Amino acid sequence: MRYSTIKYFTYLILLSAFMFSCRGQKSSQPPIHPQQNMDFQNRFNAQEENSFFDNNMAMRMPVEGTVSRGNLKNNSVVYEGVDENGDFVTENPFDITKDFLYRGKDRYDIYCSVCHGGTGNGRGIIMTGNYGYVPAPSYHRDASREMPEGELYSAIANGVRTMPSYATQIEVEDRWAIVAYIRALQKSQYVPESEMDQFNVDLAQLQQEYQAEQERLAALEEERAAGRGEEEISAERGQQLFTMNACNACHSLDGSDLVGPSFAGLFGKERTFEDGTTAVADEEYLYESITQPDAKIVEGYQNAMASYDYLSDGELQSLIEYIKTLSDE
């Protein structure tokens, strides 16, 4: 073997040994860094001082009037649910296709059903326990059915009353898909009897099944009531229920106006309603207002309260007893 070949292999072995000797070795010295690339830059980090500018701020405000690419949301119908006059639109701006509806169902099941329920009846899983949430309204009441599409969209995008905004979680098109699915839920649960003939269903059988289900639920409630024994009815229990059901989110105790009228001095006071009629806030009125809040709307307030008809009779009576103790002083 020639000397040059031996020399070549010797250098190769030494180089390999040198390279392998560097693997897994710990050293207090900084690594050799021949290629700097962009590791070391003449730049400023967030919130750092920069004496180049008069205010010494490295971070600069965007030029007035600039819009980031893809965020020129100049279509108020699509992005806000309102027309050029600021009124809620009455039609969905997207084509209502089967895929669009199923997309809405998918998003609804994820974000909405926990409060509003799978059928839109306001009895979602977190509304049926004592979690202290203001009950979600049913989509099957007249006030919800009469809402324009844009108002439903706005509630999702901006939140309403105690409901938070979902703008950071649900994309614009998905919000409209949810609106379309809510309309489908409303139609599925509110088909007039006069229109049922066009569907291949046995209306008499459906009515019998519904009646049987109502009787079953009534019997179950009676059984539960018997197991609980005689319910306590007291103002103290009513105060606890007031807190547990988050009544204070809409009704104050100091006379100030919130979403609904204050409970301070409410009992025995004459109330004036939207239609001009009046009534005294006695026990019968309070019971109806809690279980059927849309029956009489107090003048100056919106029809925004959900029904608390899931409370037992003893719980309702206790709430009334508590309201009776509240003075306006």
C-alpha atoms as a PDB file:
ATOM      1  CA  MET A   1       0.000   0.000   0.000  1.00  0.00           C
ATOM      2  CA  ARG A   2       1.362   3.361  -0.940  1.00  0.00           C
ATOM      3  CA  TYR A   3       2.316   5.873   1.752  1.00  0.00           C
ATOM      4  CA  SER A   4      -0.213   8.465   0.504  1.00  0.00           C
ATOM      5  CA  THR A   5      -3.049   5.960   0.887  1.00  0.00           C
ATOM      6  CA  ILE A   6      -2.001   5.112   4.442  1.00  0.00           C
ATOM      7  CA  LYS A   7      -1.799   8.824   5.238  1.00  0.00           C
ATOM      8  CA  TYR A   8      -5.271   9.400   3.815  1.00  0.00           C
ATOM      9  CA  PHE A   9      -6.849   6.644   5.915  1.00  0.00           C
ATOM     10  CA  THR A  10      -4.987   7.843   9.022  1.00  0.00           C
ATOM     11  CA  TYR A  11      -6.427  11.337   8.641  1.00  0.00           C
ATOM     12  CA  LEU A  12      -9.905   9.894   8.052  1.00  0.00           C
ATOM     13  CA  ILE A  13      -9.735   7.772  11.225  1.00  0.00           C
ATOM     14  CA  LEU A  14      -8.472  10.697  13.296  1.00  0.00           C
ATOM     15  CA  LEU A  15     -11.197  12.986  11.957  1.00  0.00           C
ATOM     16  CA  SER A  16     -13.885  10.382  12.707  1.00  0.00           C
ATOM     17  CA  ALA A  17     -12.559   9.895  16.224  1.00  0.00           C
ATOM     18  CA  PHE A  18     -12.559  13.648  16.748  1.00  0.00           C
ATOM     19  CA  MET A  19     -16.155  13.968  15.528  1.00  0.00           C
ATOM     20  CA  PHE A  20     -17.450  11.100  17.683  1.00  0.00           C
ATOM     21  CA  SER A  21     -15.597  12.395  20.731  1.00  0.00           C
ATOM     22  CA  CYS A  22     -17.737  15.554  20.621  1.00  0.00           C
ATOM     23  CA  ARG A  23     -21.052  13.678  20.974  1.00  0.00           C
ATOM     24  CA  GLY A  24     -22.513  13.622  24.483  1.00  0.00           C
ATOM     25  CA  GLN A  25     -19.680  15.615  26.012  1.00  0.00           C
ATOM     26  CA  LYS A  26     -20.553  18.341  28.553  1.00  0.00           C
ATOM     27  CA  SER A  27     -18.622  21.586  28.504  1.00  0.00           C
ATOM     28  CA  SER A  28     -18.841  24.959  30.203  1.00  0.00           C
ATOM     29  CA  GLN A  29     -17.565  26.624  27.036  1.00  0.00           C
ATOM     30  CA  PRO A  30     -20.003  28.006  24.458  1.00  0.00           C
ATOM     31  CA  PRO A  31     -20.344  25.864  21.339  1.00  0.00           C
ATOM     32  CA  ILE A  32     -18.484  26.764  18.210  1.00  0.00           C
ATOM     33  CA  HIS A  33     -20.931  28.719  16.074  1.00  0.00           C
ATOM     34  CA  PRO A  34     -19.319  29.513  12.710  1.00  0.00           C
ATOM     35  CA  GLN A  35     -22.618  30.225  10.902  1.00  0.00           C
ATOM     36  CA  GLN A  36     -24.475  33.022  12.703  1.00  0.00           C
ATOM     37  CA  ASN A  37     -27.451  33.275  10.344  1.00  0.00           C
ATOM     38  CA  MET A  38     -30.151  35.289  12.196  1.00  0.00           C
ATOM     39  CA  ASP A  39     -29.248  34.189  15.714  1.00  0.00           C
ATOM     40  CA  PHE A  40     -27.855  37.576  16.645  1.00  0.00           C
ATOM     41  CA  GLN A  41     -29.762  40.540  15.273  1.00  0.00           C
ATOM     42  CA  ASN A  42     -29.684  44.260  15.774  1.00  0.00           C
ATOM     43  CA  ARG A  43     -33.319  44.442  16.813  1.00  0.00           C
ATOM     44  CA  PHE A  44     -35.510  45.337  19.793  1.00  0.00           C
ATOM     45  CA  ASN A  45     -37.673  42.973  21.805  1.00  0.00           C
ATOM     46  CA  ALA A  46     -41.254  43.733  22.819  1.00  0.00           C
ATOM     47  CA  GLN A  47     -41.585  46.563  25.380  1.00  0.00           C
ATOM     48  CA  GLU A  48     -37.909  47.536  25.051  1.00  0.00           C
ATOM     49  CA  GLU A  49     -36.733  51.129  25.027  1.00  0.00           C
ATOM     50  CA  ASN A  50     -35.522  52.684  21.779  1.00  0.00           C
ATOM     51  CA  SER A  51     -33.983  56.127  22.005  1.00  0.00           C
ATOM     52  CA  PHE A  52     -34.326  56.608  18.241  1.00  0.00           C
ATOM     53  CA  PHE A  53     -37.955  57.677  18.723  1.00  0.00           C
ATOM     54  CA  ASP A  54     -39.120  60.714  20.689  1.00  0.00           C
ATOM     55  CA  ASN A  55     -41.238  58.654  23.073  1.00  0.00           C
ATOM     56  CA  ASN A  56     -38.435  56.058  23.524  1.00  0.00           C
ATOM     57  CA  MET A  57     -40.814  53.222  22.588  1.00  0.00           C
ATOM     58  CA  ALA A  58     -39.500  50.441  20.359  1.00  0.00           C
ATOM     59  CA  MET A  59     -43.030  49.194  19.683  1.00  0.00           C
ATOM     60  CA  ARG A  60     -44.844  51.443  17.201  1.00  0.00           C
ATOM     61  CA  MET A  61     -48.541  51.987  16.708  1.00  0.00           C
ATOM     62  CA  PRO A  62     -49.926  50.930  13.290  1.00  0.00           C
ATOM     63  CA  VAL A  63     -50.403  53.712  10.783  1.00  0.00           C
ATOM     64  CA  GLU A  64     -53.877  55.184  11.228  1.00  0.00           C
ATOM     65  CA  GLY A  65     -56.422  53.627   8.892  1.00  0.00           C
ATOM     66  CA  THR A  66     -54.426  50.514   8.082  1.00  0.00           C
ATOM     67  CA  VAL A  67     -56.100  47.098   8.068  1.00  0.00           C
ATOM     68  CA  SER A  68     -54.266  43.803   8.290  1.00  0.00           C
ATOM     69  CA  ARG A  69     -54.527  41.580   5.235  1.00  0.00           C
ATOM     70  CA  GLY A  70     -57.722  39.539   5.236  1.00  0.00           C
ATOM     71  CA  ASN A  71     -59.433  41.644   7.919  1.00  0.00           C
ATOM     72  CA  LEU A  72     -61.208  44.284   5.843  1.00  0.00           C
ATOM     73  CA  LYS A  73     -64.618  43.400   7.226  1.00  0.00           C
ATOM     74  CA  ASN A  74     -66.611  45.916   5.215  1.00  0.00           C
ATOM     75  CA  ASN A  75     -69.645  43.664   4.722  1.00  0.00           C
ATOM     76  CA  SER A  76     -71.810  44.488   7.748  1.00  0.00           C
ATOM     77  CA  VAL A  77     -74.404  41.858   6.810  1.00  0.00           C
ATOM     78  CA  VAL A  78     -71.917  38.982   6.981  1.00  0.00           C
ATOM     79  CA  TYR A  79     -69.702  40.193   9.828  1.00  0.00           C
ATOM     80  CA  GLU A  80     -72.214  42.028  12.037  1.00  0.00           C
ATOM     81  CA  GLY A  81     -75.647  40.744  11.019  1.00  0.00           C
ATOM     82  CA  VAL A  82     -76.956  44.265  10.310  1.00  0.00           C
ATOM     83  CA  ASP A  83     -77.818  46.179   7.143  1.00  0.00           C
ATOM     84  CA  GLU A  84     -76.652  49.644   6.089  1.00  0.00           C
ATOM     85  CA  ASN A  85     -79.223  51.185   8.455  1.00  0.00           C
ATOM     86  CA  GLY A  86     -77.977  49.210  11.447  1.00  0.00           C
ATOM     87  CA  ASP A  87     -81.074  46.986  11.567  1.00  0.00           C
ATOM     88  CA  PHE A  88     -80.760  43.228  12.071  1.00  0.00           C
ATOM     89  CA  VAL A  89     -81.022  41.339   8.788  1.00  0.00           C
ATOM     90  CA  THR A  90     -83.893  38.901   8.386  1.00  0.00           C
ATOM     91  CA  GLU A  91     -82.195  36.422   6.040  1.00  0.00           C
ATOM     92  CA  ASN A  92     -79.089  34.279   6.311  1.00  0.00           C
ATOM     93  CA  PRO A  93     -76.451  35.601   3.858  1.00  0.00           C
ATOM     94  CA  PHE A  94     -75.209  32.057   3.106  1.00  0.00           C
ATOM     95  CA  ASP A  95     -76.891  29.404   0.997  1.00  0.00           C
ATOM     96  CA  ILE A  96     -78.732  26.942   3.239  1.00  0.00           C
ATOM     97  CA  THR A  97     -77.454  23.600   1.984  1.00  0.00           C
ATOM     98  CA  LYS A  98     -77.493  20.204   3.663  1.00  0.00           C
ATOM     99  CA  ASP A  99     -73.755  20.418   4.357  1.00  0.00           C
ATOM    100  CA  PHE A 100     -74.196  23.931   5.783  1.00  0.00           C
ATOM    101  CA  LEU A 101     -76.921  22.750   8.161  1.00  0.00           C
ATOM    102  CA  TYR A 102     -74.871  19.758   9.305  1.00  0.00           C
ATOM    103  CA  ARG A 103     -71.930  22.069   9.921  1.00  0.00           C
ATOM    104  CA  GLY A 104     -74.228  24.211  12.046  1.00  0.00           C
ATOM    105  CA  LYS A 105     -75.384  21.146  13.964  1.00  0.00           C
ATOM    106  CA  ASP A 106     -71.790  20.123  14.618  1.00  0.00           C
ATOM    107  CA  ARG A 107     -70.871  23.577  15.984  1.00  0.00           C
ATOM    108  CA  TYR A 108     -74.139  23.851  17.914  1.00  0.00           C
ATOM    109  CA  ASP A 109     -73.566  20.517  19.655  1.00  0.00           C
ATOM    110  CA  ILE A 110     -70.088  21.655  20.701  1.00  0.00           C
ATOM    111  CA  TYR A 111     -70.722  25.220  21.830  1.00  0.00           C
ATOM    112  CA  CYS A 112     -74.469  25.712  22.379  1.00  0.00           C
ATOM    113  CA  SER A 113     -76.149  22.494  23.481  1.00  0.00           C
ATOM    114  CA  VAL A 114     -74.592  22.504  26.972  1.00  0.00           C
ATOM    115  CA  CYS A 115     -76.788  25.506  27.826  1.00  0.00           C
ATOM    116  CA  HIS A 116     -79.592  25.567  25.251  1.00  0.00           C
ATOM    117  CA  GLY A 117     -80.123  21.799  25.082  1.00  0.00           C
ATOM    118  CA  GLY A 118     -79.986  19.395  22.164  1.00  0.00           C
ATOM    119  CA  THR A 119     -83.433  20.436  20.935  1.00  0.00           C
ATOM    120  CA  GLY A 120     -83.078  24.112  21.832  1.00  0.00           C
ATOM    121  CA  ASN A 121     -85.431  23.929  24.817  1.00  0.00           C
ATOM    122  CA  GLY A 122     -83.014  25.721  27.175  1.00  0.00           C
ATOM    123  CA  ARG A 123     -82.474  22.617  29.298  1.00  0.00           C
ATOM    124  CA  GLY A 124     -78.812  21.907  28.584  1.00  0.00           C
ATOM    125  CA  ILE A 125     -76.768  19.785  30.970  1.00  0.00           C
ATOM    126  CA  ILE A 126     -75.380  22.715  32.979  1.00  0.00           C
ATOM    127  CA  MET A 127     -78.845  24.255  33.271  1.00  0.00           C
ATOM    128  CA  THR A 128     -80.394  21.228  34.960  1.00  0.00           C
ATOM    129  CA  GLY A 129     -78.030  21.237  37.931  1.00  0.00           C
ATOM    130  CA  ASN A 130     -77.466  23.746  40.714  1.00  0.00           C
ATOM    131  CA  TYR A 131     -74.532  25.507  39.069  1.00  0.00           C
ATOM    132  CA  GLY A 132     -75.791  29.055  39.584  1.00  0.00           C
ATOM    133  CA  TYR A 133     -76.263  29.883  35.884  1.00  0.00           C
ATOM    134  CA  VAL A 134     -79.033  32.108  34.622  1.00  0.00           C
ATOM    135  CA  PRO A 135     -81.301  29.689  32.704  1.00  0.00           C
ATOM    136  CA  ALA A 136     -80.809  29.811  28.962  1.00  0.00           C
ATOM    137  CA  PRO A 137     -83.969  30.797  27.075  1.00  0.00           C
ATOM    138  CA  SER A 138     -85.784  28.276  24.932  1.00  0.00           C
ATOM    139  CA  TYR A 139     -85.658  28.753  21.167  1.00  0.00           C
ATOM    140  CA  HIS A 140     -89.258  27.576  21.023  1.00  0.00           C
ATOM    141  CA  ARG A 141     -90.861  30.611  22.628  1.00  0.00           C
ATOM    142  CA  ASP A 142     -92.473  33.323  20.513  1.00  0.00           C
ATOM    143  CA  ALA A 143     -89.754  35.874  21.346  1.00  0.00           C
ATOM    144  CA  SER A 144     -87.035  33.570  19.980  1.00  0.00           C
ATOM    145  CA  ARG A 145     -88.996  32.519  16.904  1.00  0.00           C
ATOM    146  CA  GLU A 146     -89.618  36.171  16.045  1.00  0.00           C
ATOM    147  CA  MET A 147     -85.954  37.163  16.333  1.00  0.00           C
ATOM    148  CA  PRO A 148     -84.395  38.100  12.978  1.00  0.00           C
ATOM    149  CA  GLU A 149     -81.421  36.037  11.820  1.00  0.00           C
ATOM    150  CA  GLY A 150     -79.076  38.949  12.447  1.00  0.00           C
ATOM    151  CA  GLU A 151     -80.031  39.130  16.121  1.00  0.00           C
ATOM    152  CA  LEU A 152     -79.246  35.450  16.636  1.00  0.00           C
ATOM    153  CA  TYR A 153     -75.900  35.966  14.884  1.00  0.00           C
ATOM    154  CA  SER A 154     -75.151  39.001  17.060  1.00  0.00           C
ATOM    155  CA  ALA A 155     -75.798  37.004  20.238  1.00  0.00           C
ATOM    156  CA  ILE A 156     -73.194  34.444  19.135  1.00  0.00           C
ATOM    157  CA  ALA A 157     -70.656  37.021  17.990  1.00  0.00           C
ATOM    158  CA  ASN A 158     -71.064  39.643  20.713  1.00  0.00           C
ATOM    159  CA  GLY A 159     -72.784  37.845  23.579  1.00  0.00           C
ATOM    160  CA  VAL A 160     -76.018  38.982  25.210  1.00  0.00           C
ATOM    161  CA  ARG A 161     -76.813  39.592  28.878  1.00  0.00           C
ATOM    162  CA  THR A 162     -75.043  36.797  30.808  1.00  0.00           C
ATOM    163  CA  MET A 163     -74.058  34.871  27.662  1.00  0.00           C
ATOM    164  CA  PRO A 164     -70.436  35.566  26.640  1.00  0.00           C
ATOM    165  CA  SER A 165     -69.179  36.265  23.129  1.00  0.00           C
ATOM    166  CA  TYR A 166     -68.033  33.269  21.082  1.00  0.00           C
ATOM    167  CA  ALA A 167     -66.273  35.393  18.457  1.00  0.00           C
ATOM    168  CA  THR A 168     -62.843  33.992  19.353  1.00  0.00           C
ATOM    169  CA  GLN A 169     -64.066  30.390  19.194  1.00  0.00           C
ATOM    170  CA  ILE A 170     -66.517  30.247  16.301  1.00  0.00           C
ATOM    171  CA  GLU A 171     -65.683  31.438  12.780  1.00  0.00           C
ATOM    172  CA  VAL A 172     -67.994  33.861  10.978  1.00  0.00           C
ATOM    173  CA  GLU A 173     -69.443  31.325   8.548  1.00  0.00           C
ATOM    174  CA  ASP A 174     -69.905  28.793  11.343  1.00  0.00           C
ATOM    175  CA  ARG A 175     -71.914  31.360  13.322  1.00  0.00           C
ATOM    176  CA  TRP A 176     -74.312  31.683  10.409  1.00  0.00           C
ATOM    177  CA  ALA A 177     -74.419  27.888  10.122  1.00  0.00           C
ATOM    178  CA  ILE A 178     -75.503  27.729  13.776  1.00  0.00           C
ATOM    179  CA  VAL A 179     -78.204  30.323  13.088  1.00  0.00           C
ATOM    180  CA  ALA A 180     -79.497  28.163  10.221  1.00  0.00           C
ATOM    181  CA  TYR A 181     -79.522  25.088  12.476  1.00  0.00           C
ATOM    182  CA  ILE A 182     -81.408  26.964  15.213  1.00  0.00           C
ATOM    183  CA  ARG A 183     -84.074  27.806  12.625  1.00  0.00           C
ATOM    184  CA  ALA A 184     -84.225  24.121  11.700  1.00  0.00           C
ATOM    185  CA  LEU A 185     -84.676  23.207  15.379  1.00  0.00           C
ATOM    186  CA  GLN A 186     -87.470  25.731  15.716  1.00  0.00           C
ATOM    187  CA  LYS A 187     -89.291  24.375  12.687  1.00  0.00           C
ATOM    188  CA  SER A 188     -88.863  20.791  13.848  1.00  0.00           C
ATOM    189  CA  GLN A 189     -90.494  21.567  17.191  1.00  0.00           C
ATOM    190  CA  TYR A 190     -93.179  23.955  15.981  1.00  0.00           C
ATOM    191  CA  VAL A 191     -94.976  22.529  12.970  1.00  0.00           C
ATOM    192  CA  PRO A 192     -98.603  23.770  12.974  1.00  0.00           C
ATOM    193  CA  GLU A 193    -101.147  20.968  13.155  1.00  0.00           C
ATOM    194  CA  SER A 194    -102.698  22.256   9.931  1.00  0.00           C
ATOM    195  CA  GLU A 195     -99.446  21.473   8.076  1.00  0.00           C
ATOM    196  CA  MET A 196     -98.897  18.002   9.495  1.00  0.00           C
ATOM    197  CA  ASP A 197    -101.003  16.350   6.773  1.00  0.00           C
ATOM    198  CA  GLN A 198     -98.231  16.838   4.229  1.00  0.00           C
ATOM    199  CA  PHE A 199     -95.881  14.662   6.274  1.00  0.00           C
ATOM    200  CA  ASN A 200     -95.994  10.900   6.523  1.00  0.00           C
ATOM    201  CA  VAL A 201     -96.729  10.785  10.267  1.00  0.00           C
ATOM    202  CA  ASP A 202     -99.555   9.563  12.429  1.00  0.00           C
ATOM    203  CA  LEU A 203    -100.545  12.726  14.302  1.00  0.00           C
ATOM    204  CA  ALA A 204    -102.920  10.896  16.670  1.00  0.00           C
ATOM    205  CA  GLN A 205    -100.168   8.493  17.667  1.00  0.00           C
ATOM    206  CA  LEU A 206     -97.731  11.351  18.277  1.00  0.00           C
ATOM    207  CA  GLN A 207    -100.262  13.058  20.521  1.00  0.00           C
ATOM    208  CA  GLN A 208    -100.803   9.838  22.459  1.00  0.00           C
ATOM    209  CA  GLU A 209     -97.053   9.357  22.887  1.00  0.00           C
ATOM    210  CA  TYR A 210     -96.664  12.942  24.052  1.00  0.00           C
ATOM    211  CA  GLN A 211     -99.489  12.586  26.571  1.00  0.00           C
ATOM    212  CA  ALA A 212     -98.015   9.327  27.850  1.00  0.00           C
ATOM    213  CA  GLU A 213     -94.616  10.976  28.275  1.00  0.00           C
ATOM    214  CA  GLN A 214     -96.154  13.893  30.188  1.00  0.00           C
ATOM    215  CA  GLU A 215     -97.967  11.486  32.489  1.00  0.00           C
ATOM    216  CA  ARG A 216     -94.755   9.529  33.035  1.00  0.00           C
ATOM    217  CA  LEU A 217     -92.851  12.687  33.977  1.00  0.00           C
ATOM    218  CA  ALA A 218     -95.642  13.801  36.303  1.00  0.00           C
ATOM    219  CA  ALA A 219     -95.640  10.402  38.032  1.00  0.00           C
ATOM    220  CA  LEU A 220     -91.857  10.545  38.356  1.00  0.00           C
ATOM    221  CA  GLU A 221     -92.039  13.980  39.943  1.00  0.00           C
ATOM    222  CA  GLU A 222     -94.681  12.778  42.390  1.00  0.00           C
ATOM    223  CA  GLU A 223     -92.462   9.838  43.289  1.00  0.00           C
ATOM    224  CA  ARG A 224     -89.511  12.138  43.883  1.00  0.00           C
ATOM    225  CA  ALA A 225     -91.649  14.480  45.966  1.00  0.00           C
ATOM    226  CA  ALA A 226     -92.850  11.565  48.088  1.00  0.00           C
ATOM    227  CA  GLY A 227     -89.254  10.489  48.612  1.00  0.00           C
ATOM    228  CA  ARG A 228     -88.261  13.975  49.711  1.00  0.00           C
ATOM    229  CA  GLY A 229     -91.166  14.217  52.101  1.00  0.00           C
ATOM    230  CA  GLU A 230     -92.867  17.517  52.786  1.00  0.00           C
ATOM    231  CA  GLU A 231     -90.890  20.374  51.279  1.00  0.00           C
ATOM    232  CA  GLU A 232     -89.684  23.225  53.413  1.00  0.00           C
ATOM    233  CA  ILE A 233     -91.172  26.587  52.467  1.00  0.00           C
ATOM    234  CA  SER A 234     -89.320  29.514  53.986  1.00  0.00           C
ATOM    235  CA  ALA A 235     -87.793  32.869  53.127  1.00  0.00           C
ATOM    236  CA  GLU A 236     -84.381  31.511  54.161  1.00  0.00           C
ATOM    237  CA  ARG A 237     -84.631  28.743  51.583  1.00  0.00           C
ATOM    238  CA  GLY A 238     -85.852  31.287  49.042  1.00  0.00           C
ATOM    239  CA  GLN A 239     -82.767  33.414  49.646  1.00  0.00           C
ATOM    240  CA  GLN A 240     -80.560  30.392  48.977  1.00  0.00           C
ATOM    241  CA  LEU A 241     -82.474  29.662  45.761  1.00  0.00           C
ATOM    242  CA  PHE A 242     -82.142  33.316  44.749  1.00  0.00           C
ATOM    243  CA  THR A 243     -78.359  32.950  44.930  1.00  0.00           C
ATOM    244  CA  MET A 244     -78.155  29.428  43.473  1.00  0.00           C
ATOM    245  CA  ASN A 245     -80.190  30.384  40.405  1.00  0.00           C
ATOM    246  CA  ALA A 246     -78.279  33.649  39.851  1.00  0.00           C
ATOM    247  CA  CYS A 247     -81.421  35.798  40.092  1.00  0.00           C
ATOM    248  CA  ASN A 248     -79.195  38.707  41.134  1.00  0.00           C
ATOM    249  CA  ALA A 249     -77.745  38.812  37.602  1.00  0.00           C
ATOM    250  CA  CYS A 250     -81.005  40.371  36.392  1.00  0.00           C
ATOM    251  CA  HIS A 251     -82.851  41.578  39.520  1.00  0.00           C
ATOM    252  CA  SER A 252     -81.255  43.892  42.087  1.00  0.00           C
ATOM    253  CA  LEU A 253     -82.131  44.118  45.770  1.00  0.00           C
ATOM    254  CA  ASP A 254     -81.412  47.825  46.165  1.00  0.00           C
ATOM    255  CA  GLY A 255     -83.940  49.332  43.748  1.00  0.00           C
ATOM    256  CA  SER A 256     -81.529  49.773  40.836  1.00  0.00           C
ATOM    257  CA  ASP A 257     -82.565  48.636  37.367  1.00  0.00           C
ATOM    258  CA  LEU A 258     -80.767  45.721  35.731  1.00  0.00           C
ATOM    259  CA  VAL A 259     -82.067  43.476  32.951  1.00  0.00           C
ATOM    260  CA  GLY A 260     -85.293  43.042  34.921  1.00  0.00           C
ATOM    261  CA  PRO A 261     -87.123  45.023  37.624  1.00  0.00           C
ATOM    262  CA  SER A 262     -85.669  45.234  41.105  1.00  0.00           C
ATOM    263  CA  PHE A 263     -87.093  42.945  43.779  1.00  0.00           C
ATOM    264  CA  ALA A 264     -86.832  45.713  46.376  1.00  0.00           C
ATOM    265  CA  GLY A 265     -90.360  46.591  47.506  1.00  0.00           C
ATOM    266  CA  LEU A 266     -91.836  44.551  44.664  1.00  0.00           C
ATOM    267  CA  PHE A 267     -94.451  42.585  46.607  1.00  0.00           C
ATOM    268  CA  GLY A 268     -97.794  44.367  46.775  1.00  0.00           C
ATOM    269  CA  LYS A 269     -96.806  47.049  44.282  1.00  0.00           C
ATOM    270  CA  GLU A 270     -98.919  47.743  41.199  1.00  0.00           C
ATOM    271  CA  ARG A 271     -97.186  46.878  37.943  1.00  0.00           C
ATOM    272  CA  THR A 272     -97.915  48.363  34.524  1.00  0.00           C
ATOM    273  CA  PHE A 273     -97.385  46.168  31.473  1.00  0.00           C
ATOM    274  CA  GLU A 274     -96.527  46.710  27.821  1.00  0.00           C
ATOM    275  CA  ASP A 275    -100.150  46.437  26.725  1.00  0.00           C
ATOM    276  CA  GLY A 276    -101.253  49.099  29.201  1.00  0.00           C
ATOM    277  CA  THR A 277    -102.873  46.719  31.692  1.00  0.00           C
ATOM    278  CA  THR A 278    -101.932  46.644  35.351  1.00  0.00           C
ATOM    279  CA  ALA A 279    -101.824  44.112  38.173  1.00  0.00           C
ATOM    280  CA  VAL A 280    -100.711  43.963  41.781  1.00  0.00           C
ATOM    281  CA  ALA A 281     -97.553  41.932  42.437  1.00  0.00           C
ATOM    282  CA  ASP A 282     -99.196  39.411  44.733  1.00  0.00           C
ATOM    283  CA  GLU A 283     -98.290  35.747  45.192  1.00  0.00           C
ATOM    284  CA  GLU A 284    -100.222  34.631  42.113  1.00  0.00           C
ATOM    285  CA  TYR A 285     -98.507  37.249  39.951  1.00  0.00           C
ATOM    286  CA  LEU A 286     -95.031  36.335  41.217  1.00  0.00           C
ATOM    287  CA  TYR A 287     -95.664  32.624  40.654  1.00  0.00           C
ATOM    288  CA  GLU A 288     -96.749  33.311  37.061  1.00  0.00           C
ATOM    289  CA  SER A 289     -93.796  35.646  36.449  1.00  0.00           C
ATOM    290  CA  ILE A 290     -91.306  32.984  37.521  1.00  0.00           C
ATOM    291  CA  THR A 291     -92.853  30.096  35.570  1.00  0.00           C
ATOM    292  CA  GLN A 292     -94.295  32.037  32.595  1.00  0.00           C
ATOM    293  CA  PRO A 293     -92.180  35.199  32.349  1.00  0.00           C
ATOM    294  CA  ASP A 294     -93.501  36.108  28.899  1.00  0.00           C
ATOM    295  CA  ALA A 295     -97.150  36.191  30.078  1.00  0.00           C
ATOM    296  CA  LYS A 296     -96.915  39.792  31.326  1.00  0.00           C
ATOM    297  CA  ILE A 297     -93.994  42.025  30.327  1.00  0.00           C
ATOM    298  CA  VAL A 298     -93.452  44.996  32.623  1.00  0.00           C
ATOM    299  CA  GLU A 299     -93.422  48.303  30.814  1.00  0.00           C
ATOM    300  CA  GLY A 300     -89.899  49.469  29.990  1.00  0.00           C
ATOM    301  CA  TYR A 301     -88.334  45.990  30.011  1.00  0.00           C
ATOM    302  CA  GLN A 302     -87.677  43.393  27.328  1.00  0.00           C
ATOM    303  CA  ASN A 303     -89.031  39.860  27.143  1.00  0.00           C
ATOM    304  CA  ALA A 304     -85.652  38.396  28.104  1.00  0.00           C
ATOM    305  CA  MET A 305     -86.284  36.114  31.071  1.00  0.00           C
ATOM    306  CA  ALA A 306     -86.218  32.336  30.731  1.00  0.00           C
ATOM    307  CA  SER A 307     -88.769  30.185  32.510  1.00  0.00           C
ATOM    308  CA  TYR A 308     -87.928  28.658  35.898  1.00  0.00           C
ATOM    309  CA  ASP A 309     -90.783  26.169  35.680  1.00  0.00           C
ATOM    310  CA  TYR A 310     -88.387  23.328  36.487  1.00  0.00           C
ATOM    311  CA  LEU A 311     -88.342  24.437  40.136  1.00  0.00           C
ATOM    312  CA  SER A 312     -90.555  22.457  42.485  1.00  0.00           C
ATOM    313  CA  ASP A 313     -93.661  24.024  43.987  1.00  0.00           C
ATOM    314  CA  GLY A 314     -91.932  24.312  47.352  1.00  0.00           C
ATOM    315  CA  GLU A 315     -88.950  26.076  45.792  1.00  0.00           C
ATOM    316  CA  LEU A 316     -91.214  28.515  43.964  1.00  0.00           C
ATOM    317  CA  GLN A 317     -93.160  29.274  47.127  1.00  0.00           C
ATOM    318  CA  SER A 318     -89.902  29.817  49.038  1.00  0.00           C
ATOM    319  CA  LEU A 319     -88.696  32.289  46.428  1.00  0.00           C
ATOM    320  CA  ILE A 320     -91.962  34.179  46.757  1.00  0.00           C
ATOM    321  CA  GLU A 321     -91.630  34.211  50.546  1.00  0.00           C
ATOM    322  CA  TYR A 322     -88.154  35.709  50.182  1.00  0.00           C
ATOM    323  CA  ILE A 323     -89.347  38.386  47.742  1.00  0.00           C
ATOM    324  CA  LYS A 324     -92.095  39.297  50.211  1.00  0.00           C
ATOM    325  CA  THR A 325     -89.438  40.119  52.847  1.00  0.00           C
ATOM    326  CA  LEU A 326     -87.589  42.599  50.639  1.00  0.00           C
ATOM    327  CA  SER A 327     -88.293  46.245  51.275  1.00  0.00           C
ATOM    328  CA  ASP A 328     -87.327  49.238  49.141  1.00  0.00           C
ATOM    329  CA  GLU A 329     -85.754  51.104  52.018  1.00  0.00           C
END
